[in-house]
Amino acid sequence: MPERTVTIASAHGLHARPASLFVQAVTASGLPVTLTKGDKTLNGASILGVISLGIEHGDQVTLSAEGDNADAVLDQLAEILTTDFDA
């Protein structure tokens, strides 16, 4: 299963706007994507789950996906998380 570990770029962390963009991209991909912070792993398509992780600027998270084009999907999701939407 392909994985990417990324550092969150948004100055205010993964709050509503970047979390929403991330979840929309996961849902549009049609692939099962998981998001892990520390010892907590959840479904990347769950907006409440993503926000509940309390992901802050500079935190590292790991993304994983299964299926066709998983690498391309993970690259797209990593780009969202490494973009500072608060700039």
PDB file of N, CA and C in Angstrom:
ATOM      1  N   MET A   1       0.846  -1.177   0.000  1.00  0.00           N
ATOM      2  CA  MET A   1       0.000   0.000   0.000  1.00  0.00           C
ATOM      3  C   MET A   1       0.892   1.241   0.000  1.00  0.00           C
ATOM      4  N   PRO A   2       0.752   2.101  -1.001  1.00  0.00           N
ATOM      5  CA  PRO A   2       1.564   3.315  -1.062  1.00  0.00           C
ATOM      6  C   PRO A   2       1.263   4.262   0.104  1.00  0.00           C
ATOM      7  N   GLU A   3       2.295   4.956   0.560  1.00  0.00           N
ATOM      8  CA  GLU A   3       2.156   5.917   1.653  1.00  0.00           C
ATOM      9  C   GLU A   3       2.939   7.179   1.336  1.00  0.00           C
ATOM     10  N   ARG A   4       2.533   8.280   1.964  1.00  0.00           N
ATOM     11  CA  ARG A   4       3.274   9.537   1.928  1.00  0.00           C
ATOM     12  C   ARG A   4       3.246  10.119   3.331  1.00  0.00           C
ATOM     13  N   THR A   5       4.384  10.580   3.814  1.00  0.00           N
ATOM     14  CA  THR A   5       4.444  11.314   5.073  1.00  0.00           C
ATOM     15  C   THR A   5       4.732  12.755   4.719  1.00  0.00           C
ATOM     16  N   VAL A   6       3.869  13.651   5.191  1.00  0.00           N
ATOM     17  CA  VAL A   6       3.984  15.064   4.845  1.00  0.00           C
ATOM     18  C   VAL A   6       3.910  15.929   6.097  1.00  0.00           C
ATOM     19  N   THR A   7       4.429  17.131   5.968  1.00  0.00           N
ATOM     20  CA  THR A   7       4.377  18.121   7.045  1.00  0.00           C
ATOM     21  C   THR A   7       3.322  19.156   6.686  1.00  0.00           C
ATOM     22  N   ILE A   8       2.425  19.423   7.617  1.00  0.00           N
ATOM     23  CA  ILE A   8       1.317  20.350   7.389  1.00  0.00           C
ATOM     24  C   ILE A   8       1.851  21.777   7.263  1.00  0.00           C
ATOM     25  N   ALA A   9       1.474  22.445   6.168  1.00  0.00           N
ATOM     26  CA  ALA A   9       2.007  23.779   5.877  1.00  0.00           C
ATOM     27  C   ALA A   9       1.112  24.920   6.356  1.00  0.00           C
ATOM     28  N   SER A  10      -0.198  24.717   6.396  1.00  0.00           N
ATOM     29  CA  SER A  10      -1.094  25.821   6.763  1.00  0.00           C
ATOM     30  C   SER A  10      -0.751  26.348   8.146  1.00  0.00           C
ATOM     31  N   ALA A  11      -0.602  27.659   8.239  1.00  0.00           N
ATOM     32  CA  ALA A  11      -0.175  28.295   9.479  1.00  0.00           C
ATOM     33  C   ALA A  11      -1.092  27.989  10.654  1.00  0.00           C
ATOM     34  N   HIS A  12      -2.356  27.732  10.379  1.00  0.00           N
ATOM     35  CA  HIS A  12      -3.308  27.438  11.450  1.00  0.00           C
ATOM     36  C   HIS A  12      -3.688  25.956  11.470  1.00  0.00           C
ATOM     37  N   GLY A  13      -2.892  25.132  10.825  1.00  0.00           N
ATOM     38  CA  GLY A  13      -3.131  23.696  10.837  1.00  0.00           C
ATOM     39  C   GLY A  13      -4.242  23.281   9.895  1.00  0.00           C
ATOM     40  N   LEU A  14      -4.731  22.077  10.113  1.00  0.00           N
ATOM     41  CA  LEU A  14      -5.758  21.504   9.236  1.00  0.00           C
ATOM     42  C   LEU A  14      -7.135  21.861   9.786  1.00  0.00           C
ATOM     43  N   HIS A  15      -7.477  23.153   9.688  1.00  0.00           N
ATOM     44  CA  HIS A  15      -8.773  23.640  10.152  1.00  0.00           C
ATOM     45  C   HIS A  15      -9.808  23.437   9.038  1.00  0.00           C
ATOM     46  N   ALA A  16     -10.971  24.022   9.182  1.00  0.00           N
ATOM     47  CA  ALA A  16     -12.114  23.735   8.312  1.00  0.00           C
ATOM     48  C   ALA A  16     -11.823  23.834   6.812  1.00  0.00           C
ATOM     49  N   ARG A  17     -11.208  24.918   6.353  1.00  0.00           N
ATOM     50  CA  ARG A  17     -11.018  25.087   4.900  1.00  0.00           C
ATOM     51  C   ARG A  17     -10.067  24.052   4.309  1.00  0.00           C
ATOM     52  N   PRO A  18      -8.829  23.935   4.799  1.00  0.00           N
ATOM     53  CA  PRO A  18      -7.953  22.923   4.201  1.00  0.00           C
ATOM     54  C   PRO A  18      -8.449  21.498   4.445  1.00  0.00           C
ATOM     55  N   ALA A  19      -9.084  21.259   5.584  1.00  0.00           N
ATOM     56  CA  ALA A  19      -9.628  19.919   5.851  1.00  0.00           C
ATOM     57  C   ALA A  19     -10.729  19.593   4.851  1.00  0.00           C
ATOM     58  N   SER A  20     -11.555  20.573   4.541  1.00  0.00           N
ATOM     59  CA  SER A  20     -12.625  20.372   3.573  1.00  0.00           C
ATOM     60  C   SER A  20     -12.068  20.083   2.183  1.00  0.00           C
ATOM     61  N   LEU A  21     -11.054  20.836   1.772  1.00  0.00           N
ATOM     62  CA  LEU A  21     -10.417  20.598   0.472  1.00  0.00           C
ATOM     63  C   LEU A  21      -9.818  19.198   0.410  1.00  0.00           C
ATOM     64  N   PHE A  22      -9.179  18.792   1.508  1.00  0.00           N
ATOM     65  CA  PHE A  22      -8.577  17.463   1.578  1.00  0.00           C
ATOM     66  C   PHE A  22      -9.653  16.379   1.454  1.00  0.00           C
ATOM     67  N   VAL A  23     -10.715  16.488   2.244  1.00  0.00           N
ATOM     68  CA  VAL A  23     -11.782  15.481   2.240  1.00  0.00           C
ATOM     69  C   VAL A  23     -12.471  15.424   0.878  1.00  0.00           C
ATOM     70  N   GLN A  24     -12.693  16.575   0.256  1.00  0.00           N
ATOM     71  CA  GLN A  24     -13.299  16.595  -1.075  1.00  0.00           C
ATOM     72  C   GLN A  24     -12.427  15.856  -2.084  1.00  0.00           C
ATOM     73  N   ALA A  25     -11.118  16.051  -1.994  1.00  0.00           N
ATOM     74  CA  ALA A  25     -10.196  15.366  -2.909  1.00  0.00           C
ATOM     75  C   ALA A  25     -10.183  13.862  -2.648  1.00  0.00           C
ATOM     76  N   VAL A  26     -10.225  13.464  -1.387  1.00  0.00           N
ATOM     77  CA  VAL A  26     -10.284  12.030  -1.051  1.00  0.00           C
ATOM     78  C   VAL A  26     -11.553  11.433  -1.642  1.00  0.00           C
ATOM     79  N   THR A  27     -12.681  12.079  -1.417  1.00  0.00           N
ATOM     80  CA  THR A  27     -13.966  11.567  -1.904  1.00  0.00           C
ATOM     81  C   THR A  27     -13.970  11.482  -3.425  1.00  0.00           C
ATOM     82  N   ALA A  28     -13.454  12.505  -4.093  1.00  0.00           N
ATOM     83  CA  ALA A  28     -13.418  12.526  -5.558  1.00  0.00           C
ATOM     84  C   ALA A  28     -12.524  11.426  -6.122  1.00  0.00           C
ATOM     85  N   SER A  29     -11.518  11.012  -5.363  1.00  0.00           N
ATOM     86  CA  SER A  29     -10.598   9.980  -5.856  1.00  0.00           C
ATOM     87  C   SER A  29     -11.267   8.617  -5.970  1.00  0.00           C
ATOM     88  N   GLY A  30     -12.266   8.377  -5.132  1.00  0.00           N
ATOM     89  CA  GLY A  30     -12.933   7.082  -5.140  1.00  0.00           C
ATOM     90  C   GLY A  30     -12.136   5.970  -4.484  1.00  0.00           C
ATOM     91  N   LEU A  31     -10.984   6.309  -3.914  1.00  0.00           N
ATOM     92  CA  LEU A  31     -10.131   5.304  -3.274  1.00  0.00           C
ATOM     93  C   LEU A  31     -10.252   5.385  -1.756  1.00  0.00           C
ATOM     94  N   PRO A  32     -10.059   4.260  -1.077  1.00  0.00           N
ATOM     95  CA  PRO A  32      -9.990   4.314   0.381  1.00  0.00           C
ATOM     96  C   PRO A  32      -8.649   4.929   0.792  1.00  0.00           C
ATOM     97  N   VAL A  33      -8.720   6.029   1.517  1.00  0.00           N
ATOM     98  CA  VAL A  33      -7.524   6.752   1.960  1.00  0.00           C
ATOM     99  C   VAL A  33      -7.566   6.841   3.477  1.00  0.00           C
ATOM    100  N   THR A  34      -6.440   6.547   4.112  1.00  0.00           N
ATOM    101  CA  THR A  34      -6.360   6.723   5.556  1.00  0.00           C
ATOM    102  C   THR A  34      -5.380   7.843   5.877  1.00  0.00           C
ATOM    103  N   LEU A  35      -5.641   8.500   6.993  1.00  0.00           N
ATOM    104  CA  LEU A  35      -4.822   9.595   7.488  1.00  0.00           C
ATOM    105  C   LEU A  35      -4.391   9.213   8.896  1.00  0.00           C
ATOM    106  N   THR A  36      -3.085   9.275   9.152  1.00  0.00           N
ATOM    107  CA  THR A  36      -2.554   8.886  10.460  1.00  0.00           C
ATOM    108  C   THR A  36      -1.760  10.031  11.063  1.00  0.00           C
ATOM    109  N   LYS A  37      -2.070  10.320  12.328  1.00  0.00           N
ATOM    110  CA  LYS A  37      -1.277  11.261  13.118  1.00  0.00           C
ATOM    111  C   LYS A  37      -0.969  10.538  14.426  1.00  0.00           C
ATOM    112  N   GLY A  38       0.315  10.345  14.669  1.00  0.00           N
ATOM    113  CA  GLY A  38       0.707   9.602  15.875  1.00  0.00           C
ATOM    114  C   GLY A  38       0.161   8.187  15.825  1.00  0.00           C
ATOM    115  N   ASP A  39      -0.592   7.807  16.850  1.00  0.00           N
ATOM    116  CA  ASP A  39      -1.143   6.450  16.897  1.00  0.00           C
ATOM    117  C   ASP A  39      -2.605   6.402  16.468  1.00  0.00           C
ATOM    118  N   LYS A  40      -3.123   7.495  15.909  1.00  0.00           N
ATOM    119  CA  LYS A  40      -4.521   7.546  15.480  1.00  0.00           C
ATOM    120  C   LYS A  40      -4.606   7.518  13.959  1.00  0.00           C
ATOM    121  N   THR A  41      -5.381   6.572  13.448  1.00  0.00           N
ATOM    122  CA  THR A  41      -5.602   6.427  12.013  1.00  0.00           C
ATOM    123  C   THR A  41      -7.091   6.487  11.747  1.00  0.00           C
ATOM    124  N   LEU A  42      -7.471   7.221  10.698  1.00  0.00           N
ATOM    125  CA  LEU A  42      -8.890   7.318  10.385  1.00  0.00           C
ATOM    126  C   LEU A  42      -9.127   7.406   8.895  1.00  0.00           C
ATOM    127  N   ASN A  43     -10.387   7.314   8.523  1.00  0.00           N
ATOM    128  CA  ASN A  43     -10.821   7.416   7.142  1.00  0.00           C
ATOM    129  C   ASN A  43     -10.632   8.861   6.689  1.00  0.00           C
ATOM    130  N   GLY A  44      -9.870   9.062   5.631  1.00  0.00           N
ATOM    131  CA  GLY A  44      -9.595  10.403   5.133  1.00  0.00           C
ATOM    132  C   GLY A  44     -10.795  11.100   4.517  1.00  0.00           C
ATOM    133  N   ALA A  45     -11.900  10.381   4.326  1.00  0.00           N
ATOM    134  CA  ALA A  45     -13.102  10.980   3.758  1.00  0.00           C
ATOM    135  C   ALA A  45     -14.038  11.528   4.830  1.00  0.00           C
ATOM    136  N   SER A  46     -13.641  11.454   6.085  1.00  0.00           N
ATOM    137  CA  SER A  46     -14.478  11.924   7.188  1.00  0.00           C
ATOM    138  C   SER A  46     -14.013  13.303   7.661  1.00  0.00           C
ATOM    139  N   ILE A  47     -14.789  14.333   7.346  1.00  0.00           N
ATOM    140  CA  ILE A  47     -14.409  15.690   7.738  1.00  0.00           C
ATOM    141  C   ILE A  47     -14.319  15.817   9.256  1.00  0.00           C
ATOM    142  N   LEU A  48     -15.256  15.233   9.976  1.00  0.00           N
ATOM    143  CA  LEU A  48     -15.214  15.315  11.436  1.00  0.00           C
ATOM    144  C   LEU A  48     -14.000  14.586  11.988  1.00  0.00           C
ATOM    145  N   GLY A  49     -13.680  13.447  11.389  1.00  0.00           N
ATOM    146  CA  GLY A  49     -12.507  12.698  11.825  1.00  0.00           C
ATOM    147  C   GLY A  49     -11.227  13.477  11.591  1.00  0.00           C
ATOM    148  N   VAL A  50     -11.105  14.057  10.403  1.00  0.00           N
ATOM    149  CA  VAL A  50      -9.898  14.816  10.060  1.00  0.00           C
ATOM    150  C   VAL A  50      -9.722  15.993  11.017  1.00  0.00           C
ATOM    151  N   ILE A  51     -10.785  16.743  11.251  1.00  0.00           N
ATOM    152  CA  ILE A  51     -10.693  17.892  12.149  1.00  0.00           C
ATOM    153  C   ILE A  51     -10.412  17.444  13.584  1.00  0.00           C
ATOM    154  N   SER A  52     -10.988  16.300  13.978  1.00  0.00           N
ATOM    155  CA  SER A  52     -10.821  15.827  15.361  1.00  0.00           C
ATOM    156  C   SER A  52      -9.389  15.419  15.689  1.00  0.00           C
ATOM    157  N   LEU A  53      -8.566  15.197  14.677  1.00  0.00           N
ATOM    158  CA  LEU A  53      -7.170  14.834  14.934  1.00  0.00           C
ATOM    159  C   LEU A  53      -6.365  16.010  15.487  1.00  0.00           C
ATOM    160  N   GLY A  54      -6.895  17.222  15.348  1.00  0.00           N
ATOM    161  CA  GLY A  54      -6.201  18.400  15.876  1.00  0.00           C
ATOM    162  C   GLY A  54      -4.839  18.614  15.242  1.00  0.00           C
ATOM    163  N   ILE A  55      -4.784  18.499  13.936  1.00  0.00           N
ATOM    164  CA  ILE A  55      -3.525  18.613  13.211  1.00  0.00           C
ATOM    165  C   ILE A  55      -3.105  20.075  13.117  1.00  0.00           C
ATOM    166  N   GLU A  56      -1.915  20.367  13.614  1.00  0.00           N
ATOM    167  CA  GLU A  56      -1.395  21.735  13.680  1.00  0.00           C
ATOM    168  C   GLU A  56      -0.310  21.963  12.629  1.00  0.00           C
ATOM    169  N   HIS A  57       0.016  23.237  12.415  1.00  0.00           N
ATOM    170  CA  HIS A  57       1.121  23.608  11.522  1.00  0.00           C
ATOM    171  C   HIS A  57       2.395  22.876  11.969  1.00  0.00           C
ATOM    172  N   GLY A  58       3.082  22.261  11.028  1.00  0.00           N
ATOM    173  CA  GLY A  58       4.334  21.582  11.320  1.00  0.00           C
ATOM    174  C   GLY A  58       4.184  20.127  11.741  1.00  0.00           C
ATOM    175  N   ASP A  59       2.952  19.676  12.016  1.00  0.00           N
ATOM    176  CA  ASP A  59       2.735  18.263  12.361  1.00  0.00           C
ATOM    177  C   ASP A  59       3.000  17.394  11.144  1.00  0.00           C
ATOM    178  N   GLN A  60       3.479  16.198  11.395  1.00  0.00           N
ATOM    179  CA  GLN A  60       3.641  15.231  10.318  1.00  0.00           C
ATOM    180  C   GLN A  60       2.498  14.232  10.362  1.00  0.00           C
ATOM    181  N   VAL A  61       1.945  13.945   9.193  1.00  0.00           N
ATOM    182  CA  VAL A  61       0.887  12.959   9.053  1.00  0.00           C
ATOM    183  C   VAL A  61       1.280  11.997   7.941  1.00  0.00           C
ATOM    184  N   THR A  62       0.705  10.812   7.993  1.00  0.00           N
ATOM    185  CA  THR A  62       0.958   9.817   6.964  1.00  0.00           C
ATOM    186  C   THR A  62      -0.342   9.496   6.255  1.00  0.00           C
ATOM    187  N   LEU A  63      -0.284   9.518   4.935  1.00  0.00           N
ATOM    188  CA  LEU A  63      -1.417   9.174   4.087  1.00  0.00           C
ATOM    189  C   LEU A  63      -1.158   7.824   3.457  1.00  0.00           C
ATOM    190  N   SER A  64      -2.183   7.010   3.330  1.00  0.00           N
ATOM    191  CA  SER A  64      -2.047   5.763   2.582  1.00  0.00           C
ATOM    192  C   SER A  64      -3.324   5.534   1.793  1.00  0.00           C
ATOM    193  N   ALA A  65      -3.175   4.846   0.664  1.00  0.00           N
ATOM    194  CA  ALA A  65      -4.317   4.585  -0.210  1.00  0.00           C
ATOM    195  C   ALA A  65      -4.121   3.250  -0.910  1.00  0.00           C
ATOM    196  N   GLU A  66      -5.235   2.657  -1.295  1.00  0.00           N
ATOM    197  CA  GLU A  66      -5.203   1.414  -2.049  1.00  0.00           C
ATOM    198  C   GLU A  66      -5.993   1.589  -3.329  1.00  0.00           C
ATOM    199  N   GLY A  67      -5.519   0.948  -4.391  1.00  0.00           N
ATOM    200  CA  GLY A  67      -6.266   0.957  -5.641  1.00  0.00           C
ATOM    201  C   GLY A  67      -5.473   1.536  -6.790  1.00  0.00           C
ATOM    202  N   ASP A  68      -6.133   1.524  -7.956  1.00  0.00           N
ATOM    203  CA  ASP A  68      -5.522   2.085  -9.157  1.00  0.00           C
ATOM    204  C   ASP A  68      -5.245   3.562  -8.950  1.00  0.00           C
ATOM    205  N   ASN A  69      -4.100   3.993  -9.394  1.00  0.00           N
ATOM    206  CA  ASN A  69      -3.696   5.400  -9.308  1.00  0.00           C
ATOM    207  C   ASN A  69      -3.476   5.889  -7.880  1.00  0.00           C
ATOM    208  N   ALA A  70      -3.240   4.969  -6.946  1.00  0.00           N
ATOM    209  CA  ALA A  70      -3.044   5.370  -5.545  1.00  0.00           C
ATOM    210  C   ALA A  70      -1.879   6.347  -5.414  1.00  0.00           C
ATOM    211  N   ASP A  71      -0.802   6.121  -6.142  1.00  0.00           N
ATOM    212  CA  ASP A  71       0.350   7.022  -6.056  1.00  0.00           C
ATOM    213  C   ASP A  71      -0.018   8.434  -6.501  1.00  0.00           C
ATOM    214  N   ALA A  72      -0.754   8.548  -7.597  1.00  0.00           N
ATOM    215  CA  ALA A  72      -1.151   9.866  -8.098  1.00  0.00           C
ATOM    216  C   ALA A  72      -2.104  10.556  -7.123  1.00  0.00           C
ATOM    217  N   VAL A  73      -3.012   9.795  -6.549  1.00  0.00           N
ATOM    218  CA  VAL A  73      -3.946  10.358  -5.567  1.00  0.00           C
ATOM    219  C   VAL A  73      -3.181  10.850  -4.349  1.00  0.00           C
ATOM    220  N   LEU A  74      -2.240  10.065  -3.863  1.00  0.00           N
ATOM    221  CA  LEU A  74      -1.460  10.481  -2.701  1.00  0.00           C
ATOM    222  C   LEU A  74      -0.628  11.718  -3.000  1.00  0.00           C
ATOM    223  N   ASP A  75      -0.099  11.819  -4.204  1.00  0.00           N
ATOM    224  CA  ASP A  75       0.647  13.024  -4.591  1.00  0.00           C
ATOM    225  C   ASP A  75      -0.258  14.252  -4.545  1.00  0.00           C
ATOM    226  N   GLN A  76      -1.478  14.125  -5.055  1.00  0.00           N
ATOM    227  CA  GLN A  76      -2.435  15.235  -5.055  1.00  0.00           C
ATOM    228  C   GLN A  76      -2.800  15.622  -3.617  1.00  0.00           C
ATOM    229  N   LEU A  77      -3.062  14.640  -2.778  1.00  0.00           N
ATOM    230  CA  LEU A  77      -3.429  14.921  -1.389  1.00  0.00           C
ATOM    231  C   LEU A  77      -2.264  15.532  -0.621  1.00  0.00           C
ATOM    232  N   ALA A  78      -1.063  15.045  -0.885  1.00  0.00           N
ATOM    233  CA  ALA A  78       0.124  15.608  -0.227  1.00  0.00           C
ATOM    234  C   ALA A  78       0.302  17.068  -0.621  1.00  0.00           C
ATOM    235  N   GLU A  79       0.009  17.391  -1.874  1.00  0.00           N
ATOM    236  CA  GLU A  79       0.125  18.781  -2.322  1.00  0.00           C
ATOM    237  C   GLU A  79      -0.848  19.680  -1.559  1.00  0.00           C
ATOM    238  N   ILE A  80      -2.045  19.199  -1.307  1.00  0.00           N
ATOM    239  CA  ILE A  80      -3.028  19.976  -0.538  1.00  0.00           C
ATOM    240  C   ILE A  80      -2.491  20.241   0.872  1.00  0.00           C
ATOM    241  N   LEU A  81      -1.961  19.204   1.507  1.00  0.00           N
ATOM    242  CA  LEU A  81      -1.504  19.343   2.885  1.00  0.00           C
ATOM    243  C   LEU A  81      -0.226  20.167   3.014  1.00  0.00           C
ATOM    244  N   THR A  82       0.550  20.263   1.940  1.00  0.00           N
ATOM    245  CA  THR A  82       1.796  21.028   1.994  1.00  0.00           C
ATOM    246  C   THR A  82       1.644  22.437   1.421  1.00  0.00           C
ATOM    247  N   THR A  83       0.400  22.852   1.208  1.00  0.00           N
ATOM    248  CA  THR A  83       0.099  24.205   0.745  1.00  0.00           C
ATOM    249  C   THR A  83      -0.392  25.019   1.943  1.00  0.00           C
ATOM    250  N   ASP A  84       0.134  26.223   2.105  1.00  0.00           N
ATOM    251  CA  ASP A  84      -0.309  27.084   3.195  1.00  0.00           C
ATOM    252  C   ASP A  84      -1.524  27.885   2.732  1.00  0.00           C
ATOM    253  N   PHE A  85      -2.699  27.428   3.132  1.00  0.00           N
ATOM    254  CA  PHE A  85      -3.944  28.107   2.754  1.00  0.00           C
ATOM    255  C   PHE A  85      -4.204  29.333   3.620  1.00  0.00           C
ATOM    256  N   ASP A  86      -3.353  29.573   4.610  1.00  0.00           N
ATOM    257  CA  ASP A  86      -3.521  30.726   5.495  1.00  0.00           C
ATOM    258  C   ASP A  86      -2.607  31.882   5.118  1.00  0.00           C
ATOM    259  N   ALA A  87      -1.838  31.716   4.047  1.00  0.00           N
ATOM    260  CA  ALA A  87      -0.887  32.764   3.635  1.00  0.00           C
ATOM    261  C   ALA A  87      -1.599  33.933   2.998  1.00  0.00           C
TER     262      ALA A  87
END
